[in-house]
Amino acid sequence: MMVWRRVTRKPDLPMFDHVLHIRNDFAELQRTSRQVTALLESEGLDPHFIRTVNLGLEEAITNVLKYGYDDEGQHQIEIALRLTASELQLVVTDDGREFNPLAQPEPDTGKSLQDREPGGLGIHFLRKLFDGVQYRREDQKNVLTLRKRLAELNP
């Protein structure tokens, strides 16, 4: 007699936790994208989902690289990925100057580019790409958390 037992993961238990460390260098963006892609592909995630995640992650890291540091020194940026049965969570931690992107006013996307104040589109973009965006300052570091539901895996 053969018995099949289906084991269902609880949505909040991690399928994996992975941490990447990169330098504050634009050259690191491509390597990061390749690593994230390989990791998410190994879990069988949809290519469109993976592209969306990489696009948002690139935006978040680019903002840190462009605006986060007052010096030319080397800094480390940590990217923690946690995949559960229900969502992917990305946590970007940097030691740059304190900046809460969520405290910035929403851009007026109804105005033309010439009439609009510069800035604010990056966080607006992240809010559109991800299901949750949170910020906190902890131990002299910026911690940006991005959450994306795995709707295509959990209809």
N, C-alpha and C. Protein backbone atom coordinates (compact mmCIF):
# COMPACT_ATOMS: atom_id res chain seq x y z
N MET A 1 0.84 -1.17 0.00
CA MET A 1 0.00 0.00 0.00
C MET A 1 0.89 1.24 0.00
N MET A 2 0.52 2.20 -0.85
CA MET A 2 1.26 3.44 -0.92
C MET A 2 0.39 4.55 -0.36
N VAL A 3 1.00 5.39 0.44
CA VAL A 3 0.28 6.51 1.03
C VAL A 3 0.96 7.80 0.60
N TRP A 4 0.18 8.73 0.08
CA TRP A 4 0.68 10.04 -0.28
C TRP A 4 0.25 11.03 0.77
N ARG A 5 1.14 11.83 1.19
CA ARG A 5 0.80 12.87 2.14
C ARG A 5 1.30 14.19 1.59
N ARG A 6 0.40 15.10 1.46
CA ARG A 6 0.76 16.42 0.94
C ARG A 6 1.15 17.31 2.11
N VAL A 7 2.34 17.85 2.01
CA VAL A 7 2.81 18.76 3.05
C VAL A 7 2.65 20.17 2.52
N THR A 8 1.90 20.98 3.22
CA THR A 8 1.67 22.35 2.83
C THR A 8 2.47 23.25 3.76
N ARG A 9 3.25 24.13 3.15
CA ARG A 9 4.01 25.09 3.96
C ARG A 9 3.07 26.15 4.50
N LYS A 10 3.34 26.56 5.71
CA LYS A 10 2.60 27.69 6.26
C LYS A 10 3.13 28.95 5.59
N PRO A 11 2.25 29.89 5.28
CA PRO A 11 2.66 31.07 4.53
C PRO A 11 3.75 31.89 5.20
N ASP A 12 3.87 31.86 6.50
CA ASP A 12 4.84 32.72 7.18
C ASP A 12 6.18 32.04 7.44
N LEU A 13 6.31 30.74 7.14
CA LEU A 13 7.58 30.07 7.34
C LEU A 13 8.48 30.30 6.13
N PRO A 14 9.74 30.68 6.37
CA PRO A 14 10.61 30.97 5.22
C PRO A 14 10.97 29.72 4.43
N MET A 15 10.94 29.85 3.12
CA MET A 15 11.44 28.82 2.23
C MET A 15 12.95 29.01 2.09
N PHE A 16 13.39 30.26 2.17
CA PHE A 16 14.82 30.55 2.25
C PHE A 16 15.03 31.94 2.80
N ASP A 17 16.17 32.13 3.39
CA ASP A 17 16.69 33.43 3.82
C ASP A 17 18.06 33.54 3.18
N HIS A 18 18.31 34.63 2.52
CA HIS A 18 19.61 34.80 1.86
C HIS A 18 20.04 36.25 2.04
N VAL A 19 21.33 36.46 2.28
CA VAL A 19 21.85 37.81 2.47
C VAL A 19 22.99 38.04 1.49
N LEU A 20 22.91 39.17 0.79
CA LEU A 20 23.97 39.61 -0.12
C LEU A 20 24.61 40.86 0.46
N HIS A 21 25.90 41.00 0.30
CA HIS A 21 26.60 42.21 0.68
C HIS A 21 27.27 42.77 -0.56
N ILE A 22 27.03 44.06 -0.80
CA ILE A 22 27.65 44.71 -1.94
C ILE A 22 28.33 45.99 -1.49
N ARG A 23 29.29 46.45 -2.32
CA ARG A 23 29.96 47.72 -2.06
C ARG A 23 29.13 48.85 -2.65
N ASN A 24 29.35 50.04 -2.19
CA ASN A 24 28.66 51.22 -2.72
C ASN A 24 29.30 51.63 -4.05
N ASP A 25 29.04 50.79 -5.04
CA ASP A 25 29.63 50.95 -6.36
C ASP A 25 28.58 50.54 -7.40
N PHE A 26 28.38 51.39 -8.40
CA PHE A 26 27.38 51.09 -9.42
C PHE A 26 27.66 49.78 -10.15
N ALA A 27 28.93 49.38 -10.21
CA ALA A 27 29.28 48.11 -10.86
C ALA A 27 28.64 46.92 -10.15
N GLU A 28 28.27 47.08 -8.91
CA GLU A 28 27.69 45.99 -8.14
C GLU A 28 26.24 45.70 -8.54
N LEU A 29 25.59 46.65 -9.21
CA LEU A 29 24.18 46.47 -9.57
C LEU A 29 23.97 45.25 -10.47
N GLN A 30 24.82 45.09 -11.45
CA GLN A 30 24.66 43.98 -12.38
C GLN A 30 24.88 42.63 -11.68
N ARG A 31 25.90 42.56 -10.85
CA ARG A 31 26.18 41.32 -10.11
C ARG A 31 25.01 40.99 -9.18
N THR A 32 24.47 42.00 -8.54
CA THR A 32 23.34 41.80 -7.63
C THR A 32 22.14 41.26 -8.40
N SER A 33 21.85 41.85 -9.54
CA SER A 33 20.73 41.40 -10.36
C SER A 33 20.90 39.94 -10.78
N ARG A 34 22.11 39.57 -11.19
CA ARG A 34 22.36 38.17 -11.58
C ARG A 34 22.15 37.22 -10.41
N GLN A 35 22.63 37.60 -9.23
CA GLN A 35 22.49 36.73 -8.06
C GLN A 35 21.03 36.58 -7.65
N VAL A 36 20.31 37.69 -7.63
CA VAL A 36 18.89 37.65 -7.25
C VAL A 36 18.12 36.82 -8.27
N THR A 37 18.40 37.03 -9.53
CA THR A 37 17.72 36.26 -10.58
C THR A 37 17.96 34.77 -10.40
N ALA A 38 19.21 34.38 -10.22
CA ALA A 38 19.53 32.95 -10.06
C ALA A 38 18.84 32.37 -8.84
N LEU A 39 18.83 33.10 -7.76
CA LEU A 39 18.19 32.62 -6.53
C LEU A 39 16.69 32.44 -6.72
N LEU A 40 16.03 33.41 -7.31
CA LEU A 40 14.58 33.33 -7.49
C LEU A 40 14.19 32.32 -8.57
N GLU A 41 15.01 32.20 -9.61
CA GLU A 41 14.75 31.18 -10.63
C GLU A 41 14.85 29.78 -10.03
N SER A 42 15.79 29.60 -9.12
CA SER A 42 15.95 28.28 -8.50
C SER A 42 14.72 27.88 -7.69
N GLU A 43 13.91 28.86 -7.32
CA GLU A 43 12.66 28.59 -6.60
C GLU A 43 11.47 28.49 -7.55
N GLY A 44 11.74 28.61 -8.85
CA GLY A 44 10.68 28.45 -9.83
C GLY A 44 9.76 29.65 -9.97
N LEU A 45 10.23 30.82 -9.58
CA LEU A 45 9.40 32.01 -9.67
C LEU A 45 9.30 32.50 -11.11
N ASP A 46 8.21 33.13 -11.40
CA ASP A 46 7.87 33.64 -12.72
C ASP A 46 8.90 34.69 -13.19
N PRO A 47 9.35 34.63 -14.43
CA PRO A 47 10.32 35.61 -14.94
C PRO A 47 9.84 37.06 -14.82
N HIS A 48 8.54 37.30 -15.04
CA HIS A 48 8.01 38.66 -14.90
C HIS A 48 8.14 39.13 -13.45
N PHE A 49 7.83 38.27 -12.50
CA PHE A 49 7.97 38.58 -11.08
C PHE A 49 9.42 38.93 -10.77
N ILE A 50 10.35 38.13 -11.29
CA ILE A 50 11.78 38.33 -11.03
C ILE A 50 12.24 39.67 -11.63
N ARG A 51 11.80 39.99 -12.84
CA ARG A 51 12.16 41.28 -13.45
C ARG A 51 11.64 42.45 -12.62
N THR A 52 10.42 42.33 -12.14
CA THR A 52 9.84 43.39 -11.31
C THR A 52 10.65 43.59 -10.04
N VAL A 53 11.01 42.49 -9.39
CA VAL A 53 11.81 42.56 -8.16
C VAL A 53 13.16 43.22 -8.44
N ASN A 54 13.82 42.79 -9.51
CA ASN A 54 15.13 43.36 -9.85
C ASN A 54 15.03 44.84 -10.19
N LEU A 55 13.99 45.24 -10.87
CA LEU A 55 13.78 46.64 -11.22
C LEU A 55 13.64 47.49 -9.96
N GLY A 56 12.82 47.04 -9.04
CA GLY A 56 12.64 47.77 -7.79
C GLY A 56 13.88 47.79 -6.93
N LEU A 57 14.57 46.67 -6.87
CA LEU A 57 15.80 46.59 -6.08
C LEU A 57 16.86 47.52 -6.66
N GLU A 58 16.95 47.56 -7.98
CA GLU A 58 17.90 48.46 -8.62
C GLU A 58 17.57 49.92 -8.29
N GLU A 59 16.31 50.28 -8.28
CA GLU A 59 15.90 51.64 -7.94
C GLU A 59 16.30 51.98 -6.50
N ALA A 60 16.03 51.07 -5.58
CA ALA A 60 16.35 51.31 -4.17
C ALA A 60 17.86 51.46 -3.96
N ILE A 61 18.64 50.59 -4.58
CA ILE A 61 20.09 50.65 -4.41
C ILE A 61 20.68 51.88 -5.11
N THR A 62 20.16 52.21 -6.28
CA THR A 62 20.63 53.40 -7.00
C THR A 62 20.44 54.65 -6.15
N ASN A 63 19.31 54.75 -5.47
CA ASN A 63 19.08 55.91 -4.60
C ASN A 63 20.11 55.97 -3.48
N VAL A 64 20.45 54.83 -2.90
CA VAL A 64 21.48 54.81 -1.86
C VAL A 64 22.81 55.26 -2.45
N LEU A 65 23.17 54.72 -3.60
CA LEU A 65 24.46 55.05 -4.22
C LEU A 65 24.56 56.52 -4.61
N LYS A 66 23.47 57.09 -5.12
CA LYS A 66 23.49 58.48 -5.58
C LYS A 66 23.44 59.48 -4.43
N TYR A 67 22.63 59.20 -3.42
CA TYR A 67 22.32 60.22 -2.42
C TYR A 67 22.71 59.88 -0.99
N GLY A 68 23.13 58.65 -0.74
CA GLY A 68 23.30 58.21 0.64
C GLY A 68 24.59 58.60 1.32
N TYR A 69 25.63 58.83 0.55
CA TYR A 69 26.95 58.99 1.16
C TYR A 69 27.54 60.37 0.88
N ASP A 70 28.15 60.94 1.93
CA ASP A 70 28.79 62.24 1.82
C ASP A 70 30.27 62.13 1.53
N ASP A 71 30.79 60.91 1.52
CA ASP A 71 32.23 60.73 1.31
C ASP A 71 32.46 59.78 0.14
N GLU A 72 33.72 59.63 -0.21
CA GLU A 72 34.11 58.74 -1.31
C GLU A 72 34.57 57.38 -0.79
N GLY A 73 34.42 57.16 0.51
CA GLY A 73 34.88 55.91 1.11
C GLY A 73 34.04 54.71 0.72
N GLN A 74 34.57 53.54 1.04
CA GLN A 74 33.84 52.31 0.77
C GLN A 74 32.82 52.05 1.87
N HIS A 75 31.64 51.65 1.45
CA HIS A 75 30.57 51.31 2.37
C HIS A 75 29.97 49.99 1.91
N GLN A 76 29.35 49.31 2.83
CA GLN A 76 28.70 48.05 2.52
C GLN A 76 27.19 48.22 2.59
N ILE A 77 26.51 47.66 1.62
CA ILE A 77 25.05 47.65 1.59
C ILE A 77 24.63 46.20 1.72
N GLU A 78 23.70 45.95 2.60
CA GLU A 78 23.21 44.59 2.81
C GLU A 78 21.84 44.44 2.19
N ILE A 79 21.64 43.34 1.48
CA ILE A 79 20.35 43.03 0.88
C ILE A 79 19.93 41.66 1.41
N ALA A 80 18.91 41.64 2.23
CA ALA A 80 18.41 40.37 2.78
C ALA A 80 17.14 39.99 2.03
N LEU A 81 17.07 38.76 1.58
CA LEU A 81 15.91 38.24 0.87
C LEU A 81 15.31 37.13 1.71
N ARG A 82 14.02 37.19 1.89
CA ARG A 82 13.31 36.13 2.60
C ARG A 82 12.09 35.76 1.75
N LEU A 83 12.05 34.51 1.37
CA LEU A 83 10.94 34.01 0.58
C LEU A 83 10.10 33.09 1.43
N THR A 84 8.81 33.37 1.49
CA THR A 84 7.86 32.48 2.14
C THR A 84 6.90 31.99 1.07
N ALA A 85 5.97 31.17 1.43
CA ALA A 85 4.99 30.67 0.47
C ALA A 85 4.06 31.79 -0.01
N SER A 86 4.02 32.90 0.71
CA SER A 86 3.08 33.96 0.34
C SER A 86 3.73 35.24 -0.18
N GLU A 87 5.02 35.48 0.13
CA GLU A 87 5.64 36.73 -0.30
C GLU A 87 7.15 36.65 -0.33
N LEU A 88 7.72 37.61 -1.06
CA LEU A 88 9.15 37.85 -1.03
C LEU A 88 9.36 39.15 -0.29
N GLN A 89 10.29 39.13 0.63
CA GLN A 89 10.64 40.33 1.39
C GLN A 89 12.10 40.66 1.10
N LEU A 90 12.34 41.90 0.73
CA LEU A 90 13.69 42.40 0.50
C LEU A 90 13.96 43.49 1.54
N VAL A 91 15.10 43.40 2.20
CA VAL A 91 15.47 44.42 3.18
C VAL A 91 16.82 44.98 2.78
N VAL A 92 16.84 46.26 2.43
CA VAL A 92 18.06 46.94 2.02
C VAL A 92 18.52 47.80 3.19
N THR A 93 19.74 47.51 3.67
CA THR A 93 20.28 48.23 4.83
C THR A 93 21.58 48.91 4.42
N ASP A 94 21.68 50.21 4.72
CA ASP A 94 22.88 50.96 4.39
C ASP A 94 23.24 51.88 5.54
N ASP A 95 24.51 52.29 5.57
CA ASP A 95 24.98 53.19 6.62
C ASP A 95 25.11 54.62 6.11
N GLY A 96 24.33 54.96 5.12
CA GLY A 96 24.34 56.32 4.57
C GLY A 96 23.64 57.29 5.49
N ARG A 97 23.60 58.55 5.05
CA ARG A 97 22.93 59.56 5.86
C ARG A 97 21.46 59.20 6.03
N GLU A 98 20.90 59.58 7.14
CA GLU A 98 19.51 59.26 7.43
C GLU A 98 18.59 59.89 6.40
N PHE A 99 17.72 59.05 5.84
CA PHE A 99 16.75 59.54 4.88
C PHE A 99 15.56 58.60 4.85
N ASN A 100 14.40 59.15 5.21
CA ASN A 100 13.17 58.37 5.18
C ASN A 100 12.41 58.74 3.90
N PRO A 101 12.49 57.89 2.89
CA PRO A 101 11.81 58.23 1.63
C PRO A 101 10.30 58.29 1.76
N LEU A 102 9.75 57.61 2.75
CA LEU A 102 8.30 57.60 2.92
C LEU A 102 7.78 58.90 3.52
N ALA A 103 8.67 59.71 4.08
CA ALA A 103 8.26 60.99 4.66
C ALA A 103 8.17 62.09 3.60
N GLN A 104 8.64 61.78 2.40
CA GLN A 104 8.60 62.76 1.32
C GLN A 104 7.20 62.85 0.75
N PRO A 105 6.80 64.03 0.29
CA PRO A 105 5.46 64.16 -0.29
C PRO A 105 5.34 63.36 -1.59
N GLU A 106 4.15 62.88 -1.85
CA GLU A 106 3.88 62.17 -3.10
C GLU A 106 4.06 63.15 -4.26
N PRO A 107 4.70 62.71 -5.34
CA PRO A 107 4.84 63.61 -6.49
C PRO A 107 3.50 63.80 -7.19
N ASP A 108 3.33 64.97 -7.77
CA ASP A 108 2.11 65.24 -8.53
C ASP A 108 2.35 64.74 -9.94
N THR A 109 1.94 63.50 -10.19
CA THR A 109 2.18 62.89 -11.49
C THR A 109 1.25 63.44 -12.58
N GLY A 110 0.32 64.28 -12.18
CA GLY A 110 -0.57 64.91 -13.16
C GLY A 110 0.07 66.10 -13.85
N LYS A 111 1.14 66.63 -13.26
CA LYS A 111 1.83 67.78 -13.85
C LYS A 111 2.82 67.30 -14.91
N SER A 112 3.14 68.19 -15.83
CA SER A 112 4.17 67.87 -16.82
C SER A 112 5.54 67.86 -16.13
N LEU A 113 6.52 67.27 -16.77
CA LEU A 113 7.86 67.20 -16.19
C LEU A 113 8.44 68.59 -15.94
N GLN A 114 8.12 69.55 -16.81
CA GLN A 114 8.64 70.90 -16.65
C GLN A 114 8.04 71.61 -15.44
N ASP A 115 6.80 71.28 -15.09
CA ASP A 115 6.11 71.95 -13.99
C ASP A 115 6.27 71.24 -12.66
N ARG A 116 6.88 70.07 -12.66
CA ARG A 116 6.98 69.25 -11.46
C ARG A 116 8.31 69.49 -10.75
N GLU A 117 8.28 69.47 -9.42
CA GLU A 117 9.51 69.56 -8.63
C GLU A 117 10.29 68.27 -8.81
N PRO A 118 11.63 68.34 -8.90
CA PRO A 118 12.42 67.12 -9.04
C PRO A 118 12.35 66.26 -7.78
N GLY A 119 12.51 64.96 -7.98
CA GLY A 119 12.54 64.03 -6.85
C GLY A 119 11.19 63.41 -6.56
N GLY A 120 11.23 62.33 -5.80
CA GLY A 120 10.01 61.69 -5.35
C GLY A 120 9.48 60.60 -6.25
N LEU A 121 9.96 60.53 -7.49
CA LEU A 121 9.43 59.51 -8.39
C LEU A 121 9.94 58.11 -8.05
N GLY A 122 11.15 58.01 -7.51
CA GLY A 122 11.70 56.70 -7.16
C GLY A 122 10.86 55.96 -6.13
N ILE A 123 10.50 56.64 -5.05
CA ILE A 123 9.70 55.98 -4.01
C ILE A 123 8.28 55.74 -4.53
N HIS A 124 7.78 56.65 -5.36
CA HIS A 124 6.47 56.45 -5.99
C HIS A 124 6.49 55.17 -6.83
N PHE A 125 7.56 54.99 -7.58
CA PHE A 125 7.76 53.81 -8.40
C PHE A 125 7.80 52.54 -7.53
N LEU A 126 8.54 52.59 -6.43
CA LEU A 126 8.62 51.43 -5.53
C LEU A 126 7.26 51.09 -4.94
N ARG A 127 6.50 52.10 -4.58
CA ARG A 127 5.16 51.86 -4.04
C ARG A 127 4.25 51.19 -5.06
N LYS A 128 4.45 51.50 -6.33
CA LYS A 128 3.64 50.89 -7.39
C LYS A 128 4.08 49.45 -7.67
N LEU A 129 5.38 49.19 -7.59
CA LEU A 129 5.91 47.85 -7.89
C LEU A 129 5.67 46.84 -6.77
N PHE A 130 5.73 47.32 -5.52
CA PHE A 130 5.68 46.42 -4.37
C PHE A 130 4.36 46.57 -3.62
N ASP A 131 4.02 45.53 -2.88
CA ASP A 131 2.78 45.52 -2.09
C ASP A 131 2.96 46.18 -0.73
N GLY A 132 4.19 46.36 -0.32
CA GLY A 132 4.47 47.02 0.94
C GLY A 132 5.86 47.64 0.90
N VAL A 133 5.97 48.87 1.39
CA VAL A 133 7.25 49.57 1.48
C VAL A 133 7.30 50.19 2.87
N GLN A 134 8.35 49.86 3.62
CA GLN A 134 8.50 50.39 4.98
C GLN A 134 9.92 50.90 5.17
N TYR A 135 10.07 51.88 6.05
CA TYR A 135 11.39 52.43 6.37
C TYR A 135 11.52 52.56 7.88
N ARG A 136 12.73 52.31 8.34
CA ARG A 136 13.06 52.60 9.74
C ARG A 136 14.56 52.92 9.82
N ARG A 137 14.91 53.65 10.85
CA ARG A 137 16.32 53.95 11.13
C ARG A 137 16.69 53.14 12.35
N GLU A 138 17.72 52.31 12.22
CA GLU A 138 18.09 51.41 13.31
C GLU A 138 19.62 51.31 13.38
N ASP A 139 20.18 51.55 14.55
CA ASP A 139 21.63 51.45 14.75
C ASP A 139 22.41 52.29 13.74
N GLN A 140 21.98 53.52 13.52
CA GLN A 140 22.64 54.44 12.59
C GLN A 140 22.61 53.96 11.14
N LYS A 141 21.59 53.16 10.82
CA LYS A 141 21.47 52.63 9.46
C LYS A 141 20.05 52.84 8.95
N ASN A 142 19.94 53.02 7.64
CA ASN A 142 18.66 53.08 6.96
C ASN A 142 18.25 51.64 6.64
N VAL A 143 17.02 51.30 6.93
CA VAL A 143 16.51 49.96 6.65
C VAL A 143 15.22 50.12 5.85
N LEU A 144 15.28 49.75 4.57
CA LEU A 144 14.14 49.83 3.67
C LEU A 144 13.65 48.41 3.39
N THR A 145 12.38 48.16 3.70
CA THR A 145 11.80 46.84 3.50
C THR A 145 10.78 46.91 2.38
N LEU A 146 10.92 46.01 1.42
CA LEU A 146 10.03 45.91 0.27
C LEU A 146 9.38 44.53 0.30
N ARG A 147 8.06 44.48 0.14
CA ARG A 147 7.34 43.21 0.15
C ARG A 147 6.55 43.05 -1.15
N LYS A 148 6.64 41.85 -1.71
CA LYS A 148 5.91 41.53 -2.94
C LYS A 148 5.23 40.19 -2.75
N ARG A 149 3.89 40.21 -2.85
CA ARG A 149 3.11 38.98 -2.71
C ARG A 149 3.34 38.06 -3.91
N LEU A 150 3.26 36.78 -3.65
CA LEU A 150 3.40 35.78 -4.69
C LEU A 150 2.02 35.35 -5.18
N ALA A 151 1.27 36.27 -5.67
CA ALA A 151 -0.11 36.01 -6.07
C ALA A 151 -0.23 34.89 -7.09
N GLU A 152 0.75 34.84 -8.03
CA GLU A 152 0.66 33.83 -9.07
C GLU A 152 0.88 32.42 -8.52
N LEU A 153 1.48 32.33 -7.34
CA LEU A 153 1.67 31.01 -6.73
C LEU A 153 0.54 30.65 -5.78
N ASN A 154 -0.20 31.65 -5.35
CA ASN A 154 -1.28 31.43 -4.39
C ASN A 154 -2.56 32.08 -4.90
N PRO A 155 -3.22 31.47 -5.87
CA PRO A 155 -4.41 32.12 -6.44
C PRO A 155 -5.51 32.31 -5.45
